[in-house]
Amino acid sequence: MANDDVIATLQRKTAAAGAALLVLAFATGLLLGAAMTHKIDADVHEIVAAHLNAVLGSLWLFALAYTLPMLRFGQAGAKRLVLVTAVPAYMNWLVTTIKAFFHVTGVDVTGVPANDLVFATLGVFVVAPSFVAAIAWTYGLLGPRRA
């Protein structure tokens, strides 16, 4: 398969990952309504955060899909960039949704085991890979496109 065909397929898959995450964002909006009306025992602010994380993650995936042909990376580099972007986007939604039911923030180590586990999970699966993805994406856009 020619490089352009591979990138076009990767674009479509990346956009589909963004669309699926947007569906999860909308579903989380329904969960938000249930939390706000006390039909479920979940932290409303964390459900709002999960909803917004999914919306913003889907936008990042859409932007990445659009810019894939502009990157200086070859096929393998582009695939790795999509993976290191999609995994944290989905994990950010998932971990934030789950932590809402434990009523923890996970933004610092507090000595509460559930909170500290969320903090570590976010650091390993969201924060660090998101930084790597953003840096790699920027690097990929700041140079000549690879033929």
C-alpha atoms as a PDB file:
ATOM      1  CA  MET A   1       0.000   0.000   0.000  1.00  0.00           C
ATOM      2  CA  ALA A   2       1.361   3.444  -0.890  1.00  0.00           C
ATOM      3  CA  ASN A   3       2.336   5.817   1.911  1.00  0.00           C
ATOM      4  CA  ASP A   4      -0.526   8.211   1.077  1.00  0.00           C
ATOM      5  CA  ASP A   5      -3.041   5.348   1.291  1.00  0.00           C
ATOM      6  CA  VAL A   6      -1.663   4.248   4.653  1.00  0.00           C
ATOM      7  CA  ILE A   7      -1.844   7.794   6.015  1.00  0.00           C
ATOM      8  CA  ALA A   8      -5.396   8.225   4.658  1.00  0.00           C
ATOM      9  CA  THR A   9      -6.449   5.007   6.392  1.00  0.00           C
ATOM     10  CA  LEU A  10      -4.762   6.151   9.599  1.00  0.00           C
ATOM     11  CA  GLN A  11      -6.546   9.506   9.304  1.00  0.00           C
ATOM     12  CA  ARG A  12      -9.909   7.776   9.037  1.00  0.00           C
ATOM     13  CA  LYS A  13      -9.168   5.504  12.018  1.00  0.00           C
ATOM     14  CA  THR A  14      -7.968   8.449  14.103  1.00  0.00           C
ATOM     15  CA  ALA A  15     -11.074  10.465  13.249  1.00  0.00           C
ATOM     16  CA  ALA A  16     -13.213   7.425  14.111  1.00  0.00           C
ATOM     17  CA  ALA A  17     -11.464   7.192  17.489  1.00  0.00           C
ATOM     18  CA  GLY A  18     -12.319  10.854  18.026  1.00  0.00           C
ATOM     19  CA  ALA A  19     -15.936  10.274  17.035  1.00  0.00           C
ATOM     20  CA  ALA A  20     -16.233   7.302  19.399  1.00  0.00           C
ATOM     21  CA  LEU A  21     -14.787   9.388  22.235  1.00  0.00           C
ATOM     22  CA  LEU A  22     -17.343  12.097  21.443  1.00  0.00           C
ATOM     23  CA  VAL A  23     -20.110   9.502  21.801  1.00  0.00           C
ATOM     24  CA  LEU A  24     -18.657   8.647  25.222  1.00  0.00           C
ATOM     25  CA  ALA A  25     -18.676  12.358  26.059  1.00  0.00           C
ATOM     26  CA  PHE A  26     -22.378  12.554  25.247  1.00  0.00           C
ATOM     27  CA  ALA A  27     -23.079   9.406  27.277  1.00  0.00           C
ATOM     28  CA  THR A  28     -21.166  10.950  30.166  1.00  0.00           C
ATOM     29  CA  GLY A  29     -23.480  13.956  29.836  1.00  0.00           C
ATOM     30  CA  LEU A  30     -26.367  11.600  30.579  1.00  0.00           C
ATOM     31  CA  LEU A  31     -24.421  10.288  33.569  1.00  0.00           C
ATOM     32  CA  LEU A  32     -23.972  13.892  34.662  1.00  0.00           C
ATOM     33  CA  GLY A  33     -27.719  14.411  34.723  1.00  0.00           C
ATOM     34  CA  ALA A  34     -28.111  11.335  36.907  1.00  0.00           C
ATOM     35  CA  ALA A  35     -25.404  12.581  39.292  1.00  0.00           C
ATOM     36  CA  MET A  36     -26.936  16.071  39.463  1.00  0.00           C
ATOM     37  CA  THR A  37     -30.353  14.660  40.362  1.00  0.00           C
ATOM     38  CA  HIS A  38     -28.795  12.253  42.900  1.00  0.00           C
ATOM     39  CA  LYS A  39     -29.959   9.176  41.016  1.00  0.00           C
ATOM     40  CA  ILE A  40     -26.383   7.926  41.229  1.00  0.00           C
ATOM     41  CA  ASP A  41     -23.788   8.547  43.923  1.00  0.00           C
ATOM     42  CA  ALA A  42     -21.043  10.297  41.976  1.00  0.00           C
ATOM     43  CA  ASP A  43     -19.176  13.566  42.347  1.00  0.00           C
ATOM     44  CA  VAL A  44     -20.868  16.012  39.974  1.00  0.00           C
ATOM     45  CA  HIS A  45     -17.710  18.060  39.415  1.00  0.00           C
ATOM     46  CA  GLU A  46     -15.724  14.980  38.449  1.00  0.00           C
ATOM     47  CA  ILE A  47     -18.444  13.851  36.026  1.00  0.00           C
ATOM     48  CA  VAL A  48     -18.332  17.317  34.447  1.00  0.00           C
ATOM     49  CA  ALA A  49     -14.552  16.926  34.188  1.00  0.00           C
ATOM     50  CA  ALA A  50     -14.926  13.492  32.580  1.00  0.00           C
ATOM     51  CA  HIS A  51     -17.453  14.881  30.102  1.00  0.00           C
ATOM     52  CA  LEU A  52     -15.143  17.759  29.165  1.00  0.00           C
ATOM     53  CA  ASN A  53     -12.091  15.470  29.038  1.00  0.00           C
ATOM     54  CA  ALA A  54     -13.859  13.337  26.453  1.00  0.00           C
ATOM     55  CA  VAL A  55     -14.952  16.353  24.400  1.00  0.00           C
ATOM     56  CA  LEU A  56     -11.466  17.861  24.417  1.00  0.00           C
ATOM     57  CA  GLY A  57      -9.844  14.477  23.761  1.00  0.00           C
ATOM     58  CA  SER A  58     -12.065  13.960  20.740  1.00  0.00           C
ATOM     59  CA  LEU A  59     -11.134  17.403  19.415  1.00  0.00           C
ATOM     60  CA  TRP A  60      -7.454  16.571  19.843  1.00  0.00           C
ATOM     61  CA  LEU A  61      -7.930  13.337  17.900  1.00  0.00           C
ATOM     62  CA  PHE A  62      -9.811  15.172  15.130  1.00  0.00           C
ATOM     63  CA  ALA A  63      -7.030  17.772  14.895  1.00  0.00           C
ATOM     64  CA  LEU A  64      -4.384  15.058  14.835  1.00  0.00           C
ATOM     65  CA  ALA A  65      -6.251  13.187  12.088  1.00  0.00           C
ATOM     66  CA  TYR A  66      -6.430  16.358  10.012  1.00  0.00           C
ATOM     67  CA  THR A  67      -2.727  17.101  10.384  1.00  0.00           C
ATOM     68  CA  LEU A  68      -1.358  13.569   9.833  1.00  0.00           C
ATOM     69  CA  PRO A  69      -0.404  14.265   6.175  1.00  0.00           C
ATOM     70  CA  MET A  70       1.475  17.392   7.291  1.00  0.00           C
ATOM     71  CA  LEU A  71       3.813  15.566   9.665  1.00  0.00           C
ATOM     72  CA  ARG A  72       7.461  14.862   9.003  1.00  0.00           C
ATOM     73  CA  PHE A  73       6.985  11.289  10.295  1.00  0.00           C
ATOM     74  CA  GLY A  74       6.763   8.162   8.197  1.00  0.00           C
ATOM     75  CA  GLN A  75       4.043   5.544   8.592  1.00  0.00           C
ATOM     76  CA  ALA A  76       5.463   3.989  11.747  1.00  0.00           C
ATOM     77  CA  GLY A  77       5.999   7.355  13.446  1.00  0.00           C
ATOM     78  CA  ALA A  78       2.492   8.513  12.554  1.00  0.00           C
ATOM     79  CA  LYS A  79       0.978   5.307  13.954  1.00  0.00           C
ATOM     80  CA  ARG A  80       2.939   5.675  17.180  1.00  0.00           C
ATOM     81  CA  LEU A  81       1.834   9.294  17.509  1.00  0.00           C
ATOM     82  CA  VAL A  82      -1.824   8.312  17.077  1.00  0.00           C
ATOM     83  CA  LEU A  83      -1.465   5.625  19.735  1.00  0.00           C
ATOM     84  CA  VAL A  84       0.319   7.885  22.226  1.00  0.00           C
ATOM     85  CA  THR A  85      -2.445  10.462  21.698  1.00  0.00           C
ATOM     86  CA  ALA A  86      -5.508   8.191  21.699  1.00  0.00           C
ATOM     87  CA  VAL A  87      -4.627   6.116  24.765  1.00  0.00           C
ATOM     88  CA  PRO A  88      -4.300   9.093  27.143  1.00  0.00           C
ATOM     89  CA  ALA A  89      -7.405  10.752  25.681  1.00  0.00           C
ATOM     90  CA  TYR A  90      -9.493   7.675  26.446  1.00  0.00           C
ATOM     91  CA  MET A  91      -7.780   7.037  29.786  1.00  0.00           C
ATOM     92  CA  ASN A  92      -8.431  10.611  30.876  1.00  0.00           C
ATOM     93  CA  TRP A  93     -12.146  10.088  30.318  1.00  0.00           C
ATOM     94  CA  LEU A  94     -12.169   6.621  31.899  1.00  0.00           C
ATOM     95  CA  VAL A  95     -10.146   7.383  35.026  1.00  0.00           C
ATOM     96  CA  THR A  96     -12.002  10.639  35.651  1.00  0.00           C
ATOM     97  CA  THR A  97     -15.355   8.882  35.283  1.00  0.00           C
ATOM     98  CA  ILE A  98     -14.324   6.121  37.685  1.00  0.00           C
ATOM     99  CA  LYS A  99     -12.861   8.478  40.276  1.00  0.00           C
ATOM    100  CA  ALA A 100     -16.166  10.356  40.399  1.00  0.00           C
ATOM    101  CA  PHE A 101     -17.709   7.302  42.061  1.00  0.00           C
ATOM    102  CA  PHE A 102     -14.937   7.184  44.669  1.00  0.00           C
ATOM    103  CA  HIS A 103     -15.298  10.920  45.396  1.00  0.00           C
ATOM    104  CA  VAL A 104     -11.564  11.596  45.044  1.00  0.00           C
ATOM    105  CA  THR A 105      -9.723  14.144  42.936  1.00  0.00           C
ATOM    106  CA  GLY A 106      -6.425  12.369  42.363  1.00  0.00           C
ATOM    107  CA  VAL A 107      -4.515  15.604  41.801  1.00  0.00           C
ATOM    108  CA  ASP A 108      -2.050  15.070  44.654  1.00  0.00           C
ATOM    109  CA  VAL A 109      -0.883  12.349  47.020  1.00  0.00           C
ATOM    110  CA  THR A 110      -3.052  12.550  50.141  1.00  0.00           C
ATOM    111  CA  GLY A 111      -2.540   9.227  51.889  1.00  0.00           C
ATOM    112  CA  VAL A 112      -6.018   8.052  50.897  1.00  0.00           C
ATOM    113  CA  PRO A 113      -5.379   4.846  48.919  1.00  0.00           C
ATOM    114  CA  ALA A 114      -8.097   5.406  46.268  1.00  0.00           C
ATOM    115  CA  ASN A 115      -6.950   8.993  45.698  1.00  0.00           C
ATOM    116  CA  ASP A 116      -3.289   8.032  45.509  1.00  0.00           C
ATOM    117  CA  LEU A 117      -4.016   5.234  43.033  1.00  0.00           C
ATOM    118  CA  VAL A 118      -5.937   7.668  40.830  1.00  0.00           C
ATOM    119  CA  PHE A 119      -3.070  10.166  41.075  1.00  0.00           C
ATOM    120  CA  ALA A 120      -0.535   7.547  39.978  1.00  0.00           C
ATOM    121  CA  THR A 121      -2.794   6.220  37.218  1.00  0.00           C
ATOM    122  CA  LEU A 122      -3.381   9.696  35.804  1.00  0.00           C
ATOM    123  CA  GLY A 123       0.335  10.451  35.915  1.00  0.00           C
ATOM    124  CA  VAL A 124       1.346   7.261  34.111  1.00  0.00           C
ATOM    125  CA  PHE A 125      -1.506   6.886  31.613  1.00  0.00           C
ATOM    126  CA  VAL A 126      -2.607  10.486  30.988  1.00  0.00           C
ATOM    127  CA  VAL A 127      -0.209  13.248  32.012  1.00  0.00           C
ATOM    128  CA  ALA A 128       3.149  11.814  30.924  1.00  0.00           C
ATOM    129  CA  PRO A 129       1.990  10.334  27.597  1.00  0.00           C
ATOM    130  CA  SER A 130      -0.015  13.479  26.791  1.00  0.00           C
ATOM    131  CA  PHE A 131       3.120  15.594  27.206  1.00  0.00           C
ATOM    132  CA  VAL A 132       5.063  13.185  25.016  1.00  0.00           C
ATOM    133  CA  ALA A 133       2.309  13.221  22.377  1.00  0.00           C
ATOM    134  CA  ALA A 134       2.043  17.021  22.353  1.00  0.00           C
ATOM    135  CA  ILE A 135       5.811  17.438  22.050  1.00  0.00           C
ATOM    136  CA  ALA A 136       6.050  14.809  19.294  1.00  0.00           C
ATOM    137  CA  TRP A 137       3.127  16.322  17.400  1.00  0.00           C
ATOM    138  CA  THR A 138       4.680  19.775  17.576  1.00  0.00           C
ATOM    139  CA  TYR A 139       8.031  18.395  16.428  1.00  0.00           C
ATOM    140  CA  GLY A 140       6.326  16.570  13.575  1.00  0.00           C
ATOM    141  CA  LEU A 141       4.688  19.748  12.368  1.00  0.00           C
ATOM    142  CA  LEU A 142       7.844  21.876  12.620  1.00  0.00           C
ATOM    143  CA  GLY A 143       9.751  20.624   9.668  1.00  0.00           C
ATOM    144  CA  PRO A 144       9.575  19.424   6.115  1.00  0.00           C
ATOM    145  CA  ARG A 145       7.115  16.656   5.363  1.00  0.00           C
ATOM    146  CA  ARG A 146       8.796  13.323   4.864  1.00  0.00           C
ATOM    147  CA  ALA A 147       8.447  12.074   1.291  1.00  0.00           C
END
